[in-house]
Amino acid sequence: MKLFFPGSFDPFTIGHADLVERALRLATQVVIAVGVNDEKKPLLSAAVRKQAISDFYKDEPRVKVTEYKGLTVDALREAGCDALLRGIRSVSDYDKERNLADINRAIDGVETVLLVASKEMQHVSSSLVRELHLYGRGVDNLVIETFKPYF
């Protein structure tokens, strides 16, 4: 099975790396796809995020890093993947992602693999880390060491 991890991978937190590591136990390959949206202004550009993620997984041949624009299901098919990979950190995440998984299956015939974050990673929120970093707060315990040069 080849899994497509769209747009949500954030090099700020160890939580996403945890999900990818566990996904690789289920799949032969994980494609991490950095979403490119010209209207949004992220803290790090898509190119910088893609490079940081590529550097982190340089020794893992089963992880491919790419960019995508537009519909996730179109990018999934273009990458030759079998299913979406989505991470769950809370009950509200679960409800939202289950609904999206049902819609993707009904409309586009795309399956979704939902992975619950490891217990120690459930509190990690990439948006919280970004906000703390912007305000000069310490985030060392939440950040993957490899990505520190990108701050």
N, C-alpha and C. Protein backbone atom coordinates (compact mmCIF):
# COMPACT_ATOMS: atom_id res chain seq x y z
N MET A 1 0.84 -1.18 0.00
CA MET A 1 0.00 0.00 0.00
C MET A 1 0.90 1.25 0.00
N LYS A 2 0.48 2.23 -0.76
CA LYS A 2 1.20 3.50 -0.86
C LYS A 2 0.26 4.59 -0.33
N LEU A 3 0.70 5.31 0.72
CA LEU A 3 -0.14 6.31 1.39
C LEU A 3 0.27 7.73 1.00
N PHE A 4 -0.71 8.60 0.88
CA PHE A 4 -0.53 10.00 0.52
C PHE A 4 -0.85 10.85 1.74
N PHE A 5 0.16 11.55 2.29
CA PHE A 5 0.00 12.39 3.47
C PHE A 5 -0.05 13.84 3.01
N PRO A 6 -1.25 14.40 2.80
CA PRO A 6 -1.38 15.71 2.16
C PRO A 6 -1.31 16.90 3.10
N GLY A 7 -0.56 17.90 2.68
CA GLY A 7 -0.62 19.24 3.23
C GLY A 7 -0.43 19.41 4.71
N SER A 8 -0.70 18.38 5.49
CA SER A 8 -0.71 18.57 6.93
C SER A 8 0.65 18.36 7.56
N PHE A 9 1.61 17.79 6.83
CA PHE A 9 2.90 17.53 7.45
C PHE A 9 3.58 18.86 7.73
N ASP A 10 3.99 19.04 8.96
CA ASP A 10 4.60 20.29 9.38
C ASP A 10 5.95 19.99 10.02
N PRO A 11 7.04 20.53 9.49
CA PRO A 11 8.35 20.22 10.05
C PRO A 11 8.58 20.80 11.44
N PHE A 12 7.61 21.51 11.99
CA PHE A 12 7.79 22.08 13.32
C PHE A 12 7.66 21.05 14.42
N THR A 13 6.90 20.00 14.19
CA THR A 13 6.59 19.11 15.31
C THR A 13 7.01 17.68 15.06
N ILE A 14 7.34 17.04 16.17
CA ILE A 14 7.71 15.65 16.11
C ILE A 14 6.48 14.76 15.91
N GLY A 15 5.29 15.29 16.14
CA GLY A 15 4.07 14.50 16.02
C GLY A 15 3.87 13.93 14.62
N HIS A 16 4.17 14.72 13.59
CA HIS A 16 3.98 14.22 12.23
C HIS A 16 5.00 13.14 11.89
N ALA A 17 6.23 13.29 12.36
CA ALA A 17 7.24 12.26 12.13
C ALA A 17 6.82 10.95 12.78
N ASP A 18 6.20 11.04 13.93
CA ASP A 18 5.68 9.86 14.62
C ASP A 18 4.63 9.16 13.75
N LEU A 19 3.73 9.93 13.15
CA LEU A 19 2.70 9.35 12.28
C LEU A 19 3.31 8.67 11.06
N VAL A 20 4.29 9.33 10.44
CA VAL A 20 4.93 8.75 9.26
C VAL A 20 5.65 7.46 9.62
N GLU A 21 6.35 7.48 10.74
CA GLU A 21 7.07 6.27 11.17
C GLU A 21 6.11 5.10 11.35
N ARG A 22 4.98 5.36 11.98
CA ARG A 22 4.00 4.28 12.19
C ARG A 22 3.29 3.91 10.90
N ALA A 23 3.10 4.87 10.00
CA ALA A 23 2.47 4.57 8.71
C ALA A 23 3.35 3.64 7.88
N LEU A 24 4.66 3.80 8.00
CA LEU A 24 5.57 2.95 7.24
C LEU A 24 5.51 1.49 7.68
N ARG A 25 4.94 1.23 8.84
CA ARG A 25 4.71 -0.16 9.26
C ARG A 25 3.54 -0.78 8.50
N LEU A 26 2.67 0.08 7.97
CA LEU A 26 1.49 -0.39 7.24
C LEU A 26 1.68 -0.34 5.73
N ALA A 27 2.56 0.53 5.28
CA ALA A 27 2.66 0.83 3.85
C ALA A 27 4.06 0.57 3.32
N THR A 28 4.12 0.41 2.00
CA THR A 28 5.42 0.26 1.35
C THR A 28 6.05 1.62 1.08
N GLN A 29 5.20 2.67 0.99
CA GLN A 29 5.71 4.02 0.75
C GLN A 29 4.73 5.04 1.30
N VAL A 30 5.29 6.16 1.79
CA VAL A 30 4.48 7.31 2.20
C VAL A 30 4.94 8.50 1.37
N VAL A 31 3.99 9.13 0.69
CA VAL A 31 4.27 10.35 -0.06
C VAL A 31 3.79 11.52 0.79
N ILE A 32 4.73 12.33 1.26
CA ILE A 32 4.40 13.52 2.04
C ILE A 32 4.24 14.65 1.03
N ALA A 33 3.06 15.20 0.95
CA ALA A 33 2.76 16.22 -0.05
C ALA A 33 2.54 17.57 0.63
N VAL A 34 3.40 18.51 0.34
CA VAL A 34 3.30 19.86 0.89
C VAL A 34 2.32 20.65 0.04
N GLY A 35 1.25 21.10 0.66
CA GLY A 35 0.26 21.87 -0.06
C GLY A 35 0.76 23.26 -0.40
N VAL A 36 0.53 23.68 -1.64
CA VAL A 36 0.93 25.00 -2.09
C VAL A 36 -0.35 25.79 -2.35
N ASN A 37 -0.52 26.87 -1.60
CA ASN A 37 -1.68 27.72 -1.76
C ASN A 37 -1.17 29.16 -1.81
N ASP A 38 -1.23 29.75 -2.98
CA ASP A 38 -0.66 31.09 -3.17
C ASP A 38 -1.37 32.17 -2.35
N GLU A 39 -2.60 31.89 -1.91
CA GLU A 39 -3.35 32.88 -1.15
C GLU A 39 -2.95 32.89 0.32
N LYS A 40 -2.46 31.76 0.83
CA LYS A 40 -2.04 31.68 2.22
C LYS A 40 -0.58 32.09 2.34
N LYS A 41 -0.25 32.69 3.45
CA LYS A 41 1.12 33.11 3.71
C LYS A 41 1.66 32.35 4.92
N PRO A 42 2.18 31.15 4.71
CA PRO A 42 2.69 30.38 5.84
C PRO A 42 3.99 30.96 6.38
N LEU A 43 4.33 30.58 7.59
CA LEU A 43 5.58 31.04 8.20
C LEU A 43 6.77 30.60 7.36
N LEU A 44 6.72 29.37 6.85
CA LEU A 44 7.77 28.86 5.96
C LEU A 44 7.15 28.58 4.60
N SER A 45 7.85 28.90 3.55
CA SER A 45 7.34 28.65 2.20
C SER A 45 7.26 27.15 1.94
N ALA A 46 6.49 26.78 0.93
CA ALA A 46 6.37 25.37 0.55
C ALA A 46 7.73 24.81 0.17
N ALA A 47 8.54 25.59 -0.52
CA ALA A 47 9.86 25.11 -0.93
C ALA A 47 10.76 24.82 0.27
N VAL A 48 10.72 25.68 1.27
CA VAL A 48 11.53 25.49 2.47
C VAL A 48 11.03 24.28 3.25
N ARG A 49 9.70 24.15 3.39
CA ARG A 49 9.15 22.99 4.09
C ARG A 49 9.50 21.70 3.35
N LYS A 50 9.37 21.72 2.03
CA LYS A 50 9.68 20.52 1.25
C LYS A 50 11.14 20.14 1.43
N GLN A 51 12.04 21.12 1.39
CA GLN A 51 13.47 20.83 1.56
C GLN A 51 13.76 20.30 2.96
N ALA A 52 13.15 20.90 3.98
CA ALA A 52 13.37 20.45 5.35
C ALA A 52 12.90 19.00 5.54
N ILE A 53 11.75 18.70 5.00
CA ILE A 53 11.21 17.34 5.12
C ILE A 53 12.06 16.36 4.32
N SER A 54 12.48 16.76 3.12
CA SER A 54 13.35 15.91 2.30
C SER A 54 14.67 15.63 3.02
N ASP A 55 15.24 16.66 3.65
CA ASP A 55 16.49 16.48 4.39
C ASP A 55 16.29 15.51 5.56
N PHE A 56 15.18 15.64 6.24
CA PHE A 56 14.90 14.79 7.39
C PHE A 56 14.79 13.32 6.98
N TYR A 57 14.18 13.05 5.82
CA TYR A 57 13.95 11.68 5.36
C TYR A 57 14.96 11.23 4.30
N LYS A 58 16.09 11.89 4.21
CA LYS A 58 17.06 11.57 3.15
C LYS A 58 17.55 10.12 3.22
N ASP A 59 17.53 9.51 4.39
CA ASP A 59 17.98 8.13 4.53
C ASP A 59 16.83 7.12 4.56
N GLU A 60 15.62 7.58 4.26
CA GLU A 60 14.46 6.69 4.25
C GLU A 60 13.89 6.63 2.83
N PRO A 61 14.27 5.61 2.06
CA PRO A 61 13.84 5.54 0.66
C PRO A 61 12.34 5.31 0.47
N ARG A 62 11.66 4.93 1.54
CA ARG A 62 10.21 4.68 1.41
C ARG A 62 9.38 5.95 1.58
N VAL A 63 10.04 7.08 1.84
CA VAL A 63 9.33 8.36 1.96
C VAL A 63 9.71 9.23 0.77
N LYS A 64 8.69 9.71 0.07
CA LYS A 64 8.88 10.64 -1.04
C LYS A 64 8.22 11.96 -0.65
N VAL A 65 8.86 13.06 -0.99
CA VAL A 65 8.31 14.37 -0.65
C VAL A 65 8.02 15.11 -1.94
N THR A 66 6.83 15.69 -2.01
CA THR A 66 6.41 16.40 -3.21
C THR A 66 5.58 17.62 -2.81
N GLU A 67 5.24 18.43 -3.78
CA GLU A 67 4.31 19.55 -3.58
C GLU A 67 3.05 19.28 -4.38
N TYR A 68 1.96 19.89 -3.97
CA TYR A 68 0.75 19.78 -4.78
C TYR A 68 -0.11 21.02 -4.62
N LYS A 69 -0.86 21.29 -5.67
CA LYS A 69 -1.87 22.35 -5.68
C LYS A 69 -3.19 21.69 -6.05
N GLY A 70 -4.27 22.29 -5.63
CA GLY A 70 -5.57 21.79 -6.06
C GLY A 70 -6.12 20.69 -5.16
N LEU A 71 -6.93 19.81 -5.77
CA LEU A 71 -7.61 18.78 -5.01
C LEU A 71 -6.67 17.68 -4.55
N THR A 72 -6.82 17.31 -3.32
CA THR A 72 -5.99 16.25 -2.74
C THR A 72 -6.16 14.94 -3.49
N VAL A 73 -7.41 14.60 -3.84
CA VAL A 73 -7.63 13.31 -4.51
C VAL A 73 -6.97 13.28 -5.88
N ASP A 74 -6.91 14.41 -6.56
CA ASP A 74 -6.21 14.45 -7.85
C ASP A 74 -4.70 14.24 -7.65
N ALA A 75 -4.14 14.89 -6.63
CA ALA A 75 -2.71 14.73 -6.34
C ALA A 75 -2.40 13.30 -5.90
N LEU A 76 -3.30 12.71 -5.14
CA LEU A 76 -3.14 11.32 -4.70
C LEU A 76 -3.04 10.39 -5.91
N ARG A 77 -3.95 10.56 -6.86
CA ARG A 77 -3.94 9.72 -8.06
C ARG A 77 -2.69 9.96 -8.90
N GLU A 78 -2.32 11.22 -9.02
CA GLU A 78 -1.12 11.57 -9.79
C GLU A 78 0.14 10.94 -9.18
N ALA A 79 0.17 10.81 -7.87
CA ALA A 79 1.31 10.21 -7.18
C ALA A 79 1.23 8.67 -7.18
N GLY A 80 0.13 8.13 -7.67
CA GLY A 80 -0.02 6.67 -7.72
C GLY A 80 -0.26 6.03 -6.36
N CYS A 81 -0.89 6.78 -5.46
CA CYS A 81 -1.14 6.28 -4.10
C CYS A 81 -2.48 5.56 -4.00
N ASP A 82 -2.57 4.70 -2.99
CA ASP A 82 -3.77 3.90 -2.78
C ASP A 82 -4.76 4.54 -1.82
N ALA A 83 -4.26 5.35 -0.87
CA ALA A 83 -5.13 5.91 0.16
C ALA A 83 -4.51 7.16 0.75
N LEU A 84 -5.37 7.97 1.37
CA LEU A 84 -4.92 9.13 2.12
C LEU A 84 -4.46 8.70 3.50
N LEU A 85 -3.49 9.39 4.06
CA LEU A 85 -3.07 9.21 5.44
C LEU A 85 -3.44 10.47 6.19
N ARG A 86 -4.17 10.32 7.27
CA ARG A 86 -4.55 11.47 8.09
C ARG A 86 -4.28 11.14 9.55
N GLY A 87 -3.83 12.15 10.30
CA GLY A 87 -3.53 11.99 11.71
C GLY A 87 -4.65 12.48 12.59
N ILE A 88 -4.88 11.77 13.69
CA ILE A 88 -5.93 12.11 14.64
C ILE A 88 -5.27 12.42 15.98
N ARG A 89 -5.59 13.58 16.54
CA ARG A 89 -5.02 13.96 17.84
C ARG A 89 -6.07 14.15 18.92
N SER A 90 -7.35 14.23 18.52
CA SER A 90 -8.40 14.48 19.51
C SER A 90 -9.71 13.91 18.99
N VAL A 91 -10.71 13.90 19.86
CA VAL A 91 -12.03 13.41 19.46
C VAL A 91 -12.60 14.28 18.35
N SER A 92 -12.41 15.59 18.43
CA SER A 92 -12.94 16.46 17.37
C SER A 92 -12.23 16.21 16.05
N ASP A 93 -10.91 15.95 16.12
CA ASP A 93 -10.18 15.56 14.90
C ASP A 93 -10.78 14.30 14.30
N TYR A 94 -11.06 13.33 15.16
CA TYR A 94 -11.58 12.05 14.68
C TYR A 94 -12.90 12.25 13.94
N ASP A 95 -13.81 12.99 14.56
CA ASP A 95 -15.12 13.22 13.94
C ASP A 95 -14.97 13.92 12.59
N LYS A 96 -14.15 14.94 12.53
CA LYS A 96 -13.94 15.69 11.29
C LYS A 96 -13.32 14.79 10.21
N GLU A 97 -12.26 14.07 10.58
CA GLU A 97 -11.57 13.24 9.61
C GLU A 97 -12.41 12.06 9.15
N ARG A 98 -13.23 11.48 10.04
CA ARG A 98 -14.14 10.39 9.63
C ARG A 98 -15.15 10.91 8.60
N ASN A 99 -15.68 12.09 8.85
CA ASN A 99 -16.63 12.68 7.89
C ASN A 99 -15.97 12.92 6.54
N LEU A 100 -14.75 13.48 6.56
CA LEU A 100 -14.03 13.71 5.31
C LEU A 100 -13.70 12.39 4.61
N ALA A 101 -13.34 11.38 5.38
CA ALA A 101 -13.04 10.06 4.80
C ALA A 101 -14.28 9.49 4.12
N ASP A 102 -15.44 9.64 4.76
CA ASP A 102 -16.69 9.14 4.17
C ASP A 102 -17.01 9.88 2.87
N ILE A 103 -16.79 11.19 2.86
CA ILE A 103 -17.05 11.99 1.66
C ILE A 103 -16.09 11.59 0.54
N ASN A 104 -14.80 11.46 0.85
CA ASN A 104 -13.82 11.07 -0.16
C ASN A 104 -14.14 9.70 -0.75
N ARG A 105 -14.60 8.77 0.09
CA ARG A 105 -14.95 7.44 -0.39
C ARG A 105 -16.18 7.50 -1.29
N ALA A 106 -17.19 8.25 -0.86
CA ALA A 106 -18.45 8.32 -1.61
C ALA A 106 -18.31 9.06 -2.93
N ILE A 107 -17.61 10.17 -2.92
CA ILE A 107 -17.53 11.01 -4.12
C ILE A 107 -16.43 10.54 -5.07
N ASP A 108 -15.25 10.22 -4.52
CA ASP A 108 -14.09 9.95 -5.36
C ASP A 108 -13.58 8.51 -5.29
N GLY A 109 -14.19 7.68 -4.43
CA GLY A 109 -13.73 6.31 -4.30
C GLY A 109 -12.36 6.19 -3.65
N VAL A 110 -11.97 7.17 -2.85
CA VAL A 110 -10.66 7.19 -2.21
C VAL A 110 -10.80 6.75 -0.75
N GLU A 111 -9.97 5.79 -0.37
CA GLU A 111 -9.95 5.33 1.02
C GLU A 111 -9.02 6.22 1.84
N THR A 112 -9.25 6.24 3.15
CA THR A 112 -8.43 7.02 4.07
C THR A 112 -7.97 6.14 5.21
N VAL A 113 -6.68 6.21 5.54
CA VAL A 113 -6.13 5.54 6.71
C VAL A 113 -6.01 6.60 7.80
N LEU A 114 -6.75 6.41 8.89
CA LEU A 114 -6.71 7.34 10.01
C LEU A 114 -5.82 6.75 11.09
N LEU A 115 -4.75 7.45 11.45
CA LEU A 115 -3.86 7.00 12.51
C LEU A 115 -4.01 7.93 13.70
N VAL A 116 -4.23 7.35 14.86
CA VAL A 116 -4.29 8.14 16.08
C VAL A 116 -2.86 8.41 16.51
N ALA A 117 -2.58 9.65 16.84
CA ALA A 117 -1.23 10.02 17.29
C ALA A 117 -0.87 9.24 18.54
N SER A 118 0.39 8.88 18.67
CA SER A 118 0.85 8.21 19.88
C SER A 118 0.49 9.07 21.09
N LYS A 119 0.23 8.42 22.20
CA LYS A 119 -0.25 9.14 23.38
C LYS A 119 0.63 10.34 23.73
N GLU A 120 1.95 10.16 23.68
CA GLU A 120 2.84 11.26 24.06
C GLU A 120 2.84 12.39 23.04
N MET A 121 2.27 12.17 21.83
CA MET A 121 2.26 13.20 20.79
C MET A 121 0.90 13.88 20.65
N GLN A 122 -0.10 13.41 21.35
CA GLN A 122 -1.44 13.94 21.14
C GLN A 122 -1.59 15.41 21.51
N HIS A 123 -0.76 15.89 22.43
CA HIS A 123 -0.87 17.29 22.86
C HIS A 123 -0.16 18.24 21.91
N VAL A 124 0.63 17.72 20.99
CA VAL A 124 1.45 18.58 20.13
C VAL A 124 0.61 19.15 19.00
N SER A 125 0.53 20.43 18.93
CA SER A 125 -0.22 21.12 17.87
C SER A 125 0.75 21.98 17.09
N SER A 126 0.82 21.76 15.78
CA SER A 126 1.76 22.54 14.97
C SER A 126 1.40 24.03 14.99
N SER A 127 0.11 24.35 15.02
CA SER A 127 -0.26 25.77 15.05
C SER A 127 0.16 26.41 16.37
N LEU A 128 0.06 25.65 17.46
CA LEU A 128 0.50 26.16 18.76
C LEU A 128 2.01 26.39 18.75
N VAL A 129 2.76 25.45 18.19
CA VAL A 129 4.21 25.60 18.12
C VAL A 129 4.59 26.83 17.31
N ARG A 130 3.95 27.02 16.15
CA ARG A 130 4.22 28.20 15.33
C ARG A 130 3.95 29.48 16.10
N GLU A 131 2.81 29.50 16.80
CA GLU A 131 2.44 30.71 17.54
C GLU A 131 3.45 30.98 18.67
N LEU A 132 3.81 29.95 19.41
CA LEU A 132 4.79 30.13 20.48
C LEU A 132 6.12 30.62 19.93
N HIS A 133 6.54 30.03 18.81
CA HIS A 133 7.81 30.43 18.20
C HIS A 133 7.77 31.91 17.77
N LEU A 134 6.68 32.32 17.16
CA LEU A 134 6.56 33.70 16.70
C LEU A 134 6.65 34.69 17.85
N TYR A 135 6.17 34.27 19.03
CA TYR A 135 6.20 35.16 20.18
C TYR A 135 7.42 34.93 21.06
N GLY A 136 8.41 34.21 20.52
CA GLY A 136 9.68 34.06 21.23
C GLY A 136 9.64 33.10 22.39
N ARG A 137 8.66 32.22 22.44
CA ARG A 137 8.56 31.26 23.54
C ARG A 137 9.36 30.00 23.21
N GLY A 138 9.83 29.30 24.22
CA GLY A 138 10.62 28.08 24.03
C GLY A 138 9.77 26.94 23.51
N VAL A 139 10.23 26.30 22.46
CA VAL A 139 9.51 25.17 21.88
C VAL A 139 10.44 23.96 21.70
N ASP A 140 11.61 24.00 22.34
CA ASP A 140 12.61 22.95 22.13
C ASP A 140 12.06 21.56 22.37
N ASN A 141 11.22 21.38 23.36
CA ASN A 141 10.72 20.04 23.65
C ASN A 141 9.69 19.56 22.64
N LEU A 142 9.22 20.42 21.75
CA LEU A 142 8.22 20.03 20.76
C LEU A 142 8.78 19.93 19.35
N VAL A 143 10.00 20.38 19.15
CA VAL A 143 10.54 20.54 17.81
C VAL A 143 11.59 19.47 17.51
N ILE A 144 11.53 18.93 16.31
CA ILE A 144 12.55 17.98 15.88
C ILE A 144 13.86 18.73 15.72
N GLU A 145 14.92 18.23 16.33
CA GLU A 145 16.21 18.90 16.29
C GLU A 145 16.65 19.24 14.86
N THR A 146 16.44 18.34 13.95
CA THR A 146 16.87 18.52 12.57
C THR A 146 16.35 19.81 11.95
N PHE A 147 15.17 20.24 12.36
CA PHE A 147 14.53 21.39 11.71
C PHE A 147 14.91 22.72 12.34
N LYS A 148 15.64 22.73 13.42
CA LYS A 148 15.98 24.01 14.07
C LYS A 148 16.67 25.00 13.13
N PRO A 149 17.55 24.58 12.22
CA PRO A 149 18.18 25.56 11.33
C PRO A 149 17.18 26.30 10.44
N TYR A 150 15.98 25.79 10.29
CA TYR A 150 15.01 26.42 9.41
C TYR A 150 14.21 27.51 10.11
N PHE A 151 14.46 27.76 11.40
CA PHE A 151 13.71 28.80 12.11
C PHE A 151 14.27 30.16 11.79
